[in-house]
C-alpha atoms as a PDB file:
ATOM      1  CA  MET A   1     100.881 151.633 188.280  1.00  0.00           C
ATOM      2  CA  MET A   2     100.287 154.387 185.760  1.00  0.00           C
ATOM      3  CA  ALA A   3      97.458 152.408 184.132  1.00  0.00           C
ATOM      4  CA  ILE A   4      95.746 152.029 187.481  1.00  0.00           C
ATOM      5  CA  SER A   5      95.912 155.751 188.226  1.00  0.00           C
ATOM      6  CA  MET A   6      94.650 156.575 184.725  1.00  0.00           C
ATOM      7  CA  SER A   7      91.689 154.248 185.048  1.00  0.00           C
ATOM      8  CA  LEU A   8      90.818 155.732 188.426  1.00  0.00           C
ATOM      9  CA  SER A   9      90.917 159.240 187.021  1.00  0.00           C
ATOM     10  CA  LEU A  10      88.438 158.184 184.345  1.00  0.00           C
ATOM     11  CA  VAL A  11      86.004 156.842 186.919  1.00  0.00           C
ATOM     12  CA  ASP A  12      86.140 159.159 189.895  1.00  0.00           C
ATOM     13  CA  GLY A  13      88.168 162.146 189.111  1.00  0.00           C
ATOM     14  CA  PRO A  14      88.812 165.301 187.242  1.00  0.00           C
ATOM     15  CA  LEU A  15      87.627 164.081 183.849  1.00  0.00           C
ATOM     16  CA  LEU A  16      83.995 164.167 184.840  1.00  0.00           C
ATOM     17  CA  GLY A  17      82.910 167.293 182.993  1.00  0.00           C
ATOM     18  CA  ALA A  18      86.400 167.848 181.562  1.00  0.00           C
ATOM     19  CA  THR A  19      86.930 169.768 178.375  1.00  0.00           C
ATOM     20  CA  PRO A  20      87.324 167.757 175.169  1.00  0.00           C
ATOM     21  CA  ALA A  21      90.954 168.871 174.977  1.00  0.00           C
ATOM     22  CA  LYS A  22      91.691 167.451 178.422  1.00  0.00           C
ATOM     23  CA  ALA A  23      89.954 164.179 177.591  1.00  0.00           C
ATOM     24  CA  GLN A  24      91.871 163.912 174.311  1.00  0.00           C
ATOM     25  CA  ALA A  25      95.124 164.575 176.177  1.00  0.00           C
ATOM     26  CA  LEU A  26      94.388 161.681 178.523  1.00  0.00           C
ATOM     27  CA  VAL A  27      93.612 159.372 175.595  1.00  0.00           C
ATOM     28  CA  ALA A  28      96.881 160.407 173.955  1.00  0.00           C
ATOM     29  CA  ALA A  29      98.760 159.761 177.214  1.00  0.00           C
ATOM     30  CA  CYS A  30      97.189 156.305 177.503  1.00  0.00           C
ATOM     31  CA  GLU A  31      98.087 155.490 173.911  1.00  0.00           C
ATOM     32  CA  LYS A  32     101.651 156.706 174.449  1.00  0.00           C
ATOM     33  CA  TYR A  33     101.941 154.557 177.567  1.00  0.00           C
ATOM     34  CA  LEU A  34     100.580 151.498 175.810  1.00  0.00           C
ATOM     35  CA  THR A  35     102.776 151.892 172.725  1.00  0.00           C
ATOM     36  CA  LYS A  36     105.902 151.916 174.898  1.00  0.00           C
ATOM     37  CA  HIS A  37     104.827 148.525 176.202  1.00  0.00           C
ATOM     38  CA  PRO A  38     103.429 145.411 174.504  1.00  0.00           C
ATOM     39  CA  GLY A  39     100.601 147.541 173.101  1.00  0.00           C
ATOM     40  CA  GLU A  40     102.490 148.264 169.860  1.00  0.00           C
ATOM     41  CA  VAL A  41     101.487 144.913 168.399  1.00  0.00           C
ATOM     42  CA  PHE A  42      97.907 145.448 169.537  1.00  0.00           C
ATOM     43  CA  PHE A  43      97.656 148.861 167.841  1.00  0.00           C
ATOM     44  CA  ALA A  44      99.200 147.475 164.640  1.00  0.00           C
ATOM     45  CA  GLU A  45      96.623 144.677 164.624  1.00  0.00           C
ATOM     46  CA  VAL A  46      93.767 147.118 165.255  1.00  0.00           C
ATOM     47  CA  ASP A  47      94.982 149.355 162.415  1.00  0.00           C
ATOM     48  CA  ALA A  48      95.223 146.402 160.022  1.00  0.00           C
ATOM     49  CA  GLU A  49      91.804 145.108 161.044  1.00  0.00           C
ATOM     50  CA  SER A  50      90.195 148.531 160.658  1.00  0.00           C
ATOM     51  CA  ASP A  51      91.773 148.991 157.223  1.00  0.00           C
ATOM     52  CA  ALA A  52      90.450 145.603 156.097  1.00  0.00           C
ATOM     53  CA  LEU A  53      86.994 146.374 157.484  1.00  0.00           C
ATOM     54  CA  ALA A  54      86.916 149.780 155.766  1.00  0.00           C
ATOM     55  CA  GLU A  55      87.971 148.216 152.445  1.00  0.00           C
ATOM     56  CA  ARG A  56      85.314 145.502 152.725  1.00  0.00           C
ATOM     57  CA  LEU A  57      82.630 148.021 153.649  1.00  0.00           C
ATOM     58  CA  ARG A  58      83.506 150.258 150.682  1.00  0.00           C
ATOM     59  CA  ARG A  59      83.512 147.272 148.305  1.00  0.00           C
ATOM     60  CA  GLU A  60      80.145 145.983 149.559  1.00  0.00           C
ATOM     61  CA  CYS A  61      78.505 149.430 149.462  1.00  0.00           C
ATOM     62  CA  LEU A  62      79.677 150.016 145.900  1.00  0.00           C
ATOM     63  CA  ALA A  63      78.376 146.567 144.895  1.00  0.00           C
ATOM     64  CA  MET A  64      74.872 147.318 146.181  1.00  0.00           C
ATOM     65  CA  PRO A  65      72.268 147.778 143.444  1.00  0.00           C
ATOM     66  CA  ASP A  66      70.882 151.258 142.923  1.00  0.00           C
ATOM     67  CA  PRO A  67      67.407 151.535 144.420  1.00  0.00           C
ATOM     68  CA  ALA A  68      64.520 152.901 142.405  1.00  0.00           C
ATOM     69  CA  PRO A  69      64.269 156.665 143.009  1.00  0.00           C
ATOM     70  CA  SER A  70      60.751 156.392 144.422  1.00  0.00           C
ATOM     71  CA  GLU A  71      61.913 153.736 146.923  1.00  0.00           C
ATOM     72  CA  MET A  72      62.910 156.479 149.365  1.00  0.00           C
ATOM     73  CA  PHE A  73      59.236 157.202 150.025  1.00  0.00           C
ATOM     74  CA  ALA A  74      58.605 153.653 151.241  1.00  0.00           C
ATOM     75  CA  HIS A  75      60.885 154.173 154.238  1.00  0.00           C
ATOM     76  CA  ALA A  76      59.924 157.683 155.376  1.00  0.00           C
ATOM     77  CA  TYR A  77      57.468 156.546 158.059  1.00  0.00           C
ATOM     78  CA  HIS A  78      56.503 153.237 159.605  1.00  0.00           C
ATOM     79  CA  GLU A  79      52.867 153.749 158.679  1.00  0.00           C
ATOM     80  CA  PRO A  80      51.554 155.186 155.389  1.00  0.00           C
ATOM     81  CA  HIS A  81      51.307 158.969 155.500  1.00  0.00           C
ATOM     82  CA  PRO A  82      49.072 161.025 153.177  1.00  0.00           C
ATOM     83  CA  LEU A  83      51.639 163.791 152.635  1.00  0.00           C
ATOM     84  CA  VAL A  84      54.320 161.261 151.712  1.00  0.00           C
ATOM     85  CA  ALA A  85      51.913 159.551 149.293  1.00  0.00           C
ATOM     86  CA  GLU A  86      51.167 162.923 147.699  1.00  0.00           C
ATOM     87  CA  GLU A  87      54.866 163.751 147.395  1.00  0.00           C
ATOM     88  CA  GLN A  88      55.585 160.309 145.942  1.00  0.00           C
ATOM     89  CA  ALA A  89      52.879 160.762 143.300  1.00  0.00           C
ATOM     90  CA  TRP A  90      54.303 164.166 142.374  1.00  0.00           C
ATOM     91  CA  PHE A  91      57.855 162.778 142.235  1.00  0.00           C
ATOM     92  CA  GLU A  92      56.854 159.845 140.036  1.00  0.00           C
ATOM     93  CA  GLY A  93      55.103 162.253 137.649  1.00  0.00           C
ATOM     94  CA  TYR A  94      58.180 164.455 137.621  1.00  0.00           C
ATOM     95  CA  GLN A  95      60.432 161.480 136.892  1.00  0.00           C
ATOM     96  CA  ALA A  96      58.076 160.329 134.109  1.00  0.00           C
ATOM     97  CA  SER A  97      58.350 163.751 132.471  1.00  0.00           C
ATOM     98  CA  PHE A  98      61.955 162.904 131.566  1.00  0.00           C
ATOM     99  CA  GLU A  99      61.026 159.742 129.685  1.00  0.00           C
ATOM    100  CA  PRO A 100      61.008 160.193 125.924  1.00  0.00           C
ATOM    101  CA  ALA A 101      57.531 160.804 124.592  1.00  0.00           C
ATOM    102  CA  VAL A 102      56.311 158.183 122.156  1.00  0.00           C
ATOM    103  CA  ALA A 103      54.467 159.869 119.327  1.00  0.00           C
ATOM    104  CA  ALA A 104      51.415 157.870 118.470  1.00  0.00           C
ATOM    105  CA  ALA A 105      50.729 157.702 114.758  1.00  0.00           C
ATOM    106  CA  PRO A 106      47.314 157.001 113.314  1.00  0.00           C
ATOM    107  CA  GLY A 107      46.614 153.335 113.665  1.00  0.00           C
ATOM    108  CA  GLY A 108      48.354 153.029 117.055  1.00  0.00           C
ATOM    109  CA  GLY A 109      51.942 152.686 115.787  1.00  0.00           C
ATOM    110  CA  ALA A 110      54.902 154.984 116.187  1.00  0.00           C
ATOM    111  CA  ALA A 111      55.590 157.373 113.365  1.00  0.00           C
END
């Protein structure tokens, strides 16, 4: 009976335009009601599943290869944009300034 009255209050009642605190209180009341009943197993399964999903997501994100720094410019807009192209050219020049300079000796070889 309580579940029916709670669901009705979500649809037609006082929670339309309710404060976040009031909405959170209702969610807490629903959770409390469900954990006193067969919902305990359900919540334990959801917690275990969410932990496994979070672990897998972390592992897969950390396993992703590092993109090239200038790759971020390729995804700024759907179509090429002149300002982005200009910024990319500047960024690539800036990145190249950190590469060690190769001193050219007479004859084309390194000194």
